[in-house]
Amino acid sequence: MSGDFTVVNAALVRDLKKRGLWDEVMVSDLKYFDGSLGPIDRVPEDLKQLYATSFEIDATWLIQAAARRQKWIDQAQSLNLYLSQANGKKTRCSLSRSMAIRP
């Protein structure tokens, strides 16, 4: 299968309902912002951090976390980095950081 599919995060819906934030406007906002809570003003900061999208997580942190866990992995690991507005400079910086880290 290919194409765009909407996947509902049941835990996010539950947390938004607990805080009285789940309504048609929230559904529309989530669709408009491609699932990102960051630009939605009425969402508290703790939920924005908990439910950050892959593009909102700092690539340096992901690389450092992979380097730390590598010593417990027998063979190898794969890591996908999602760079918002990727360009040659961002890609080069991410690769340079990953090669400079010693686990």
Protein backbone atom coordinates (compact mmCIF):
# COMPACT_ATOMS: atom_id res chain seq x y z
CA MET A 1 0.00 0.00 0.00
CA SER A 2 1.11 3.52 -0.60
CA GLY A 3 -0.28 6.98 -0.07
CA ASP A 4 -1.16 9.17 2.88
CA PHE A 5 -2.84 7.60 5.87
CA THR A 6 -4.12 9.25 9.01
CA VAL A 7 -2.99 7.47 12.15
CA VAL A 8 -4.63 8.49 15.41
CA ASN A 9 -2.44 8.46 18.52
CA ALA A 10 -4.84 7.07 21.13
CA ALA A 11 -2.64 8.23 24.02
CA LEU A 12 -2.60 11.79 22.69
CA VAL A 13 -6.39 11.79 22.27
CA ARG A 14 -6.77 10.47 25.82
CA ASP A 15 -4.49 13.18 27.25
CA LEU A 16 -6.21 15.94 25.29
CA LYS A 17 -9.63 14.71 26.46
CA LYS A 18 -8.44 14.70 30.10
CA ARG A 19 -7.57 18.38 29.73
CA GLY A 20 -10.75 19.27 27.88
CA LEU A 21 -8.87 20.11 24.68
CA TRP A 22 -10.20 17.41 22.34
CA ASP A 23 -12.79 18.93 20.00
CA GLU A 24 -13.40 19.52 16.28
CA VAL A 25 -11.10 22.57 16.30
CA MET A 26 -8.25 20.44 17.71
CA VAL A 27 -8.85 17.78 15.06
CA SER A 28 -8.73 20.46 12.36
CA ASP A 29 -5.58 22.01 13.85
CA LEU A 30 -3.82 18.64 14.01
CA LYS A 31 -4.67 17.96 10.38
CA TYR A 32 -3.58 21.43 9.31
CA PHE A 33 -0.24 21.20 11.14
CA ASP A 34 0.43 17.59 10.02
CA GLY A 35 0.09 16.18 13.53
CA SER A 36 2.37 18.69 15.21
CA LEU A 37 1.24 20.19 18.50
CA GLY A 38 4.00 22.82 18.45
CA PRO A 39 2.13 25.57 16.60
CA ILE A 40 -1.15 25.08 18.50
CA ASP A 41 -1.20 27.77 21.20
CA ARG A 42 -3.76 26.19 23.54
CA VAL A 43 -1.76 22.97 23.99
CA PRO A 44 0.37 23.01 27.19
CA GLU A 45 4.15 22.78 26.80
CA ASP A 46 4.42 19.42 28.60
CA LEU A 47 2.15 17.79 26.00
CA LYS A 48 4.08 19.42 23.16
CA GLN A 49 7.30 17.89 24.48
CA LEU A 50 5.75 14.48 25.19
CA TYR A 51 4.19 14.19 21.73
CA ALA A 52 6.90 15.84 19.61
CA THR A 53 7.04 14.71 16.00
CA SER A 54 10.19 13.17 14.54
CA PHE A 55 10.98 16.50 12.85
CA GLU A 56 10.83 18.32 16.20
CA ILE A 57 13.41 16.14 17.96
CA ASP A 58 16.98 17.46 17.76
CA ALA A 59 19.09 15.18 15.53
CA THR A 60 22.12 15.68 17.79
CA TRP A 61 20.22 14.14 20.72
CA LEU A 62 19.21 11.14 18.58
CA ILE A 63 22.80 10.60 17.46
CA GLN A 64 24.11 10.82 21.04
CA ALA A 65 21.44 8.38 22.27
CA ALA A 66 22.36 5.91 19.52
CA ALA A 67 26.04 6.19 20.42
CA ARG A 68 25.33 5.49 24.10
CA ARG A 69 23.22 2.39 23.44
CA GLN A 70 25.56 0.93 20.78
CA LYS A 71 27.79 -0.78 23.36
CA TRP A 72 24.87 -3.03 24.34
CA ILE A 73 24.02 -4.02 20.76
CA ASP A 74 25.78 -7.12 19.40
CA GLN A 75 25.93 -6.14 15.76
CA ALA A 76 24.75 -2.81 14.37
CA GLN A 77 21.88 -0.43 14.57
CA SER A 78 20.10 1.74 12.06
CA LEU A 79 19.12 5.33 12.78
CA ASN A 80 16.80 7.51 10.75
CA LEU A 81 17.24 11.25 11.13
CA TYR A 82 14.37 13.52 10.16
CA LEU A 83 15.62 17.01 9.36
CA SER A 84 13.05 19.71 8.79
CA GLN A 85 13.93 21.80 5.77
CA ALA A 86 16.93 19.58 5.09
CA ASN A 87 19.80 20.95 3.08
CA GLY A 88 23.44 20.08 2.47
CA LYS A 89 24.71 22.03 5.49
CA LYS A 90 22.31 20.35 7.95
CA THR A 91 23.06 16.91 6.56
CA ARG A 92 26.83 17.51 6.67
CA CYS A 93 26.63 18.78 10.28
CA SER A 94 24.59 15.73 11.36
CA LEU A 95 27.02 13.33 9.74
CA SER A 96 30.03 15.14 11.22
CA ARG A 97 28.51 14.96 14.70
CA SER A 98 27.83 11.25 14.36
CA MET A 99 31.41 10.49 13.28
CA ALA A 100 32.87 12.58 16.13
CA ILE A 101 31.01 10.73 18.91
CA ARG A 102 32.87 7.96 20.70
CA PRO A 103 30.57 5.63 22.69
